[in-house]
Protein backbone atom coordinates (compact mmCIF):
# COMPACT_ATOMS: atom_id res chain seq x y z
CA MET A 1 -53.11 115.29 -13.12
CA SER A 2 -53.77 116.41 -9.59
CA ALA A 3 -51.04 116.69 -6.93
CA ILE A 4 -50.59 114.19 -4.10
CA ILE A 5 -51.82 115.85 -0.90
CA MET A 6 -49.25 115.71 1.90
CA SER A 7 -51.19 115.07 5.09
CA GLY A 8 -49.39 116.60 8.05
CA THR A 9 -52.16 115.19 10.24
CA GLN A 10 -51.33 111.63 9.14
CA VAL A 11 -47.55 112.02 9.41
CA ALA A 12 -48.00 113.63 12.86
CA GLN A 13 -49.99 110.56 14.00
CA GLN A 14 -47.20 108.26 12.78
CA ALA A 15 -44.68 110.43 14.62
CA ASP A 16 -46.75 110.22 17.82
CA ALA A 17 -46.52 106.41 17.71
CA GLU A 18 -42.71 106.71 17.53
CA PHE A 19 -42.71 109.36 20.28
CA GLN A 20 -44.75 107.11 22.60
CA GLN A 21 -42.12 104.38 22.33
CA ARG A 22 -39.30 106.83 23.01
CA ILE A 23 -41.15 108.23 26.05
CA GLN A 24 -41.82 104.70 27.33
CA HIS A 25 -38.08 103.95 27.20
CA LEU A 26 -37.39 107.14 29.16
CA LYS A 27 -40.04 106.37 31.77
CA GLN A 28 -38.46 102.95 32.32
CA ARG A 29 -35.41 104.95 33.39
CA GLN A 30 -37.51 107.20 35.68
CA ILE A 31 -37.35 110.17 33.31
CA THR A 32 -40.44 112.00 32.02
CA PRO A 33 -39.88 114.62 29.30
CA GLY A 34 -40.88 118.05 30.62
CA LEU A 35 -42.05 121.07 28.62
CA ALA A 36 -42.75 124.47 30.22
CA VAL A 37 -44.75 126.95 28.14
CA VAL A 38 -45.11 130.61 29.11
CA LEU A 39 -48.21 132.36 27.74
CA ILE A 40 -48.62 136.09 28.33
CA GLY A 41 -52.00 137.82 28.09
CA ASP A 42 -55.08 136.67 26.20
CA ASP A 43 -54.23 136.64 22.50
CA PRO A 44 -56.83 134.20 21.05
CA ALA A 45 -54.51 132.74 18.37
CA SER A 46 -51.78 132.12 20.97
CA ALA A 47 -54.31 130.45 23.28
CA ILE A 48 -55.26 128.02 20.46
CA TYR A 49 -51.61 127.18 19.68
CA VAL A 50 -50.90 126.58 23.36
CA ARG A 51 -53.99 124.38 23.76
CA ASN A 52 -53.04 122.27 20.72
CA LYS A 53 -49.52 121.77 22.08
CA GLN A 54 -50.90 120.89 25.51
CA ARG A 55 -53.35 118.36 24.12
CA ARG A 56 -50.73 116.47 22.14
CA ALA A 57 -48.02 116.67 24.79
CA GLN A 58 -50.29 115.35 27.56
CA LYS A 59 -51.66 112.59 25.32
CA LEU A 60 -48.09 111.37 24.81
CA GLY A 61 -47.30 111.53 28.53
CA ILE A 62 -45.06 114.59 28.43
CA ASN A 63 -45.06 116.57 31.68
CA TYR A 64 -46.57 119.87 30.45
CA GLN A 65 -46.45 123.01 32.59
CA LEU A 66 -48.38 126.08 31.49
CA HIS A 67 -47.41 129.39 33.09
CA HIS A 68 -50.13 131.87 32.09
CA LEU A 69 -49.06 135.42 32.98
CA ALA A 70 -51.07 138.65 32.88
CA ALA A 71 -50.57 140.97 29.89
CA SER A 72 -49.24 143.55 32.38
CA VAL A 73 -46.33 141.32 33.53
CA THR A 74 -42.99 143.15 33.76
CA GLN A 75 -39.88 142.02 31.93
CA ALA A 76 -38.11 141.45 35.27
CA GLU A 77 -40.91 139.13 36.47
CA LEU A 78 -40.80 137.16 33.22
CA LEU A 79 -37.01 136.78 33.30
CA THR A 80 -37.18 135.58 36.93
CA LEU A 81 -39.64 132.85 35.90
CA ILE A 82 -37.44 131.81 32.96
CA GLN A 83 -34.40 131.58 35.24
CA GLN A 84 -36.38 129.34 37.62
CA LEU A 85 -37.36 127.07 34.71
CA ASN A 86 -33.72 127.01 33.52
CA GLN A 87 -32.78 125.63 36.96
CA ASP A 88 -35.64 123.11 37.20
CA PRO A 89 -34.17 119.62 36.58
CA ASP A 90 -37.57 118.22 35.52
CA VAL A 91 -37.99 120.75 32.70
CA ASP A 92 -36.25 119.75 29.45
CA GLY A 93 -37.71 122.47 27.25
CA VAL A 94 -38.82 126.06 27.83
CA MET A 95 -40.76 128.16 25.35
CA VAL A 96 -42.37 131.60 25.50
CA GLN A 97 -45.37 131.88 23.18
CA MET A 98 -44.94 134.77 20.74
CA PRO A 99 -46.02 137.54 20.30
CA VAL A 100 -45.22 139.17 23.64
CA PRO A 101 -46.67 142.51 24.89
CA PRO A 102 -44.80 145.75 24.01
CA GLN A 103 -43.14 146.14 27.43
CA ILE A 104 -41.30 142.83 26.90
CA ASP A 105 -38.18 142.66 24.70
CA ALA A 106 -38.52 139.38 22.80
CA THR A 107 -34.80 139.11 21.97
CA THR A 108 -33.77 139.42 25.63
CA VAL A 109 -36.38 136.80 26.56
CA MET A 110 -35.18 134.31 23.92
CA ASN A 111 -31.56 134.73 24.97
CA THR A 112 -32.38 134.32 28.69
CA ILE A 113 -33.71 130.80 28.07
CA ASP A 114 -30.89 128.27 28.59
CA PRO A 115 -29.80 127.41 24.99
CA ASP A 116 -30.01 123.70 25.86
CA LYS A 117 -33.66 124.15 26.95
CA ASP A 118 -34.57 126.57 24.15
CA VAL A 119 -36.97 124.24 22.28
CA ASP A 120 -37.93 126.91 19.74
CA GLY A 121 -34.28 127.36 18.77
CA PHE A 122 -34.64 131.16 18.69
CA SER A 123 -31.65 132.06 20.91
CA VAL A 124 -28.53 133.41 19.18
CA VAL A 125 -26.61 130.34 20.40
CA ASN A 126 -28.98 127.94 18.62
CA VAL A 127 -29.15 130.11 15.50
CA GLY A 128 -25.34 129.97 15.43
CA ARG A 129 -25.37 126.19 15.90
CA LEU A 130 -27.89 125.86 13.07
CA TRP A 131 -25.89 127.87 10.54
CA SER A 132 -22.53 126.37 11.50
CA GLY A 133 -23.83 122.84 10.92
CA GLU A 134 -23.68 121.73 14.57
CA SER A 135 -26.45 119.87 16.34
CA GLY A 136 -28.74 122.06 18.41
CA ASN A 137 -32.38 123.02 18.92
CA PHE A 138 -34.03 124.19 15.72
CA PRO A 139 -37.44 125.84 15.20
CA GLY A 140 -40.43 123.49 15.14
CA THR A 141 -41.89 124.45 11.76
CA PRO A 142 -38.77 123.83 9.62
CA ARG A 143 -38.03 120.71 11.65
CA GLY A 144 -41.58 119.44 11.08
CA ILE A 145 -41.40 120.25 7.36
CA MET A 146 -38.18 118.23 7.00
CA ARG A 147 -39.96 115.26 8.60
CA LEU A 148 -42.94 115.72 6.25
CA LEU A 149 -40.65 115.81 3.18
CA ALA A 150 -38.91 112.64 4.39
CA ALA A 151 -42.25 110.87 5.00
CA TYR A 152 -43.24 111.48 1.37
CA GLN A 153 -39.72 110.53 0.19
CA ILE A 154 -39.13 113.91 -1.44
CA HIS A 155 -35.54 113.84 -2.66
CA LEU A 156 -33.63 117.00 -1.65
CA ALA A 157 -29.96 116.54 -2.58
CA GLY A 158 -29.13 118.47 -5.74
CA GLN A 159 -32.68 119.81 -6.04
CA GLN A 160 -33.59 123.48 -6.48
CA ALA A 161 -35.42 124.73 -3.38
CA VAL A 162 -36.98 128.18 -3.18
CA VAL A 163 -38.07 129.51 0.21
CA ILE A 164 -40.38 132.55 -0.01
CA GLY A 165 -40.12 134.37 3.32
CA ARG A 166 -37.09 135.23 5.45
CA SER A 167 -38.36 135.19 9.04
CA ASN A 168 -36.20 133.83 11.85
CA ILE A 169 -39.03 131.42 12.70
CA VAL A 170 -39.48 129.75 9.30
CA GLY A 171 -37.69 131.19 6.26
CA LYS A 172 -34.08 131.43 7.44
CA PRO A 173 -33.93 128.17 9.46
CA MET A 174 -35.77 126.36 6.64
CA ALA A 175 -33.12 127.51 4.16
CA SER A 176 -30.38 126.30 6.50
CA LEU A 177 -31.90 122.81 6.98
CA LEU A 178 -32.41 122.46 3.20
CA LEU A 179 -28.73 123.40 2.68
CA ARG A 180 -27.76 120.68 5.16
CA ALA A 181 -29.76 118.24 3.03
CA ASN A 182 -27.66 119.35 0.01
CA ALA A 183 -30.43 121.22 -1.80
CA THR A 184 -29.53 124.35 -3.78
CA VAL A 185 -31.42 127.06 -1.94
CA THR A 186 -32.77 130.47 -2.97
CA VAL A 187 -34.44 132.69 -0.37
CA ALA A 188 -36.97 135.13 -1.84
CA HIS A 189 -39.05 137.75 -0.02
CA SER A 190 -41.27 140.81 -0.42
CA LYS A 191 -38.46 142.83 -2.08
CA THR A 192 -37.54 140.10 -4.60
CA ARG A 193 -37.89 141.10 -8.25
CA ASN A 194 -39.42 138.59 -10.70
CA LEU A 195 -40.72 136.44 -7.85
CA ALA A 196 -42.90 134.23 -10.07
CA ALA A 197 -39.97 133.47 -12.41
CA ILE A 198 -37.73 132.56 -9.45
CA ALA A 199 -40.43 130.44 -7.80
CA ARG A 200 -40.94 128.55 -11.08
CA GLN A 201 -37.34 127.30 -10.89
CA ALA A 202 -38.15 125.39 -7.71
CA ASP A 203 -38.38 121.62 -7.43
CA ILE A 204 -39.36 122.31 -3.81
CA LEU A 205 -41.25 125.55 -3.11
CA ILE A 206 -41.76 126.56 0.52
CA VAL A 207 -44.06 129.53 1.05
CA ALA A 208 -44.14 131.47 4.34
CA ILE A 209 -45.16 135.04 3.53
CA GLY A 210 -48.45 135.54 5.39
CA GLN A 211 -50.32 136.71 2.27
CA PRO A 212 -53.61 134.85 1.75
CA GLU A 213 -53.59 132.77 -1.44
CA MET A 214 -50.93 134.91 -3.12
CA ILE A 215 -49.15 132.02 -4.85
CA THR A 216 -51.02 130.95 -7.98
CA ALA A 217 -50.22 128.27 -10.57
CA GLN A 218 -48.02 130.73 -12.47
CA TYR A 219 -45.48 130.58 -9.62
CA VAL A 220 -45.18 126.79 -9.75
CA LYS A 221 -43.15 124.48 -11.97
CA PRO A 222 -45.18 121.43 -13.10
CA GLY A 223 -44.52 118.51 -10.74
CA ALA A 224 -42.96 120.65 -7.99
CA THR A 225 -43.48 119.98 -4.27
CA VAL A 226 -45.31 122.93 -2.68
CA ILE A 227 -45.23 123.43 1.10
CA ASP A 228 -47.67 126.09 2.33
CA VAL A 229 -46.76 127.48 5.76
CA GLY A 230 -49.40 130.24 5.62
CA MET A 231 -52.28 130.46 8.10
CA ASN A 232 -54.60 133.31 7.10
CA HIS A 233 -58.30 134.08 7.27
CA ASN A 234 -59.74 135.25 3.96
CA ALA A 235 -62.56 137.81 3.54
CA GLN A 236 -65.14 135.07 4.24
CA GLY A 237 -63.36 134.13 7.48
CA LYS A 238 -62.17 130.79 6.07
CA LEU A 239 -58.72 129.51 7.05
CA VAL A 240 -56.48 129.57 3.96
CA GLY A 241 -52.78 129.33 3.23
CA ASP A 242 -50.43 131.52 1.20
CA VAL A 243 -51.06 129.27 -1.83
CA GLN A 244 -54.20 129.09 -3.98
CA PHE A 245 -54.72 125.41 -3.26
CA ALA A 246 -57.26 124.46 -5.97
CA ASP A 247 -55.28 126.27 -8.66
CA VAL A 248 -51.82 124.98 -7.71
CA GLN A 249 -53.00 121.43 -6.97
CA GLU A 250 -53.61 121.00 -10.71
CA ILE A 251 -49.94 121.37 -11.62
CA ALA A 252 -47.89 120.53 -8.50
CA GLY A 253 -46.60 117.01 -7.84
CA PHE A 254 -47.11 117.25 -4.07
CA ILE A 255 -48.88 119.93 -2.02
CA THR A 256 -49.75 120.54 1.64
CA PRO A 257 -53.33 121.57 2.53
CA VAL A 258 -54.32 124.31 4.99
CA PRO A 259 -55.39 123.26 7.58
CA GLY A 260 -53.94 119.77 8.10
CA GLY A 261 -50.57 120.26 6.42
CA VAL A 262 -47.74 122.15 8.10
CA GLY A 263 -49.68 123.03 11.31
CA PRO A 264 -49.62 119.55 12.92
CA MET A 265 -45.98 119.13 11.82
CA THR A 266 -44.92 122.28 13.70
CA ILE A 267 -46.07 120.71 16.97
CA THR A 268 -44.44 117.42 15.90
CA GLY A 269 -41.13 119.27 15.44
CA LEU A 270 -41.45 120.87 18.88
CA LEU A 271 -42.34 117.62 20.70
CA ASP A 272 -39.54 115.74 18.92
CA GLN A 273 -37.16 118.38 20.27
CA VAL A 274 -38.47 118.03 23.85
CA ILE A 275 -38.12 114.22 23.76
CA THR A 276 -34.61 114.52 22.29
CA LEU A 277 -33.62 116.85 25.15
CA ALA A 278 -35.01 114.35 27.70
CA GLU A 279 -32.96 111.59 26.00
CA GLN A 280 -29.86 113.78 26.34
CA ARG A 281 -30.68 114.24 30.04
CA ALA A 282 -30.92 110.43 30.40
CA GLN A 283 -27.48 110.06 28.79
CA ARG A 284 -26.00 112.66 31.15
CA ASP A 285 -27.51 110.81 34.12
CA ASP A 286 -25.77 107.63 32.93
CA HIS A 287 -22.32 109.22 33.09
């Protein structure tokens, strides 16, 4: 029996319909959600991500500002721009597209963004809010994955979840959100011994390791839900995930494709965050 394919593209379209209604309500109150994106240099992958965000944000009627800086920009110049965006009342969310050039310290940049405008949720304040169970801004990919799991009615409470990958962008925040949903969570990574045996325990397996098609059927428990966060180009130049899709599809219960799985949901998570911040601004204006 072949797995049900979880279409991030489809769930993202459904989310956009909900977002349009929320934005309409805000515009009736003279508030337009605002997102400012800072792109440094000419990294082709970053340019694609930024363009995809821009396309969806503008289609929804979000006020999207792109600040494209030269690769030679100094840290001081970048921090000045971020401080201006922090002060701008029309900007609800600020994000700096990673990676940044070597002369820029990414940690300083993330922590200069006002935590309440930090849509990526990378600042230490938002990481602290995430792990202490408070509300805050959380990274787009884990946020989008939680929405995707909900859309396919994947039950999480009491389930075994294994997250392979421990980055601050996906692995760690993903583990935290799964814990909030009362899953029992194991975080595995490149130094984990017996990785396949651990992965096979998972009812929900989330893979974010950046290794093309590393996860084969032997890592997967029959009927498990497999979420593939990987975006890699194989030797033939084809876009593939971290999971061997054809192989794993035969035994999983649910699986995300690459492309069309997690990618669209990452932008959904980000836009949801921007609209939520605009709604909080509207509430503040009411008081």
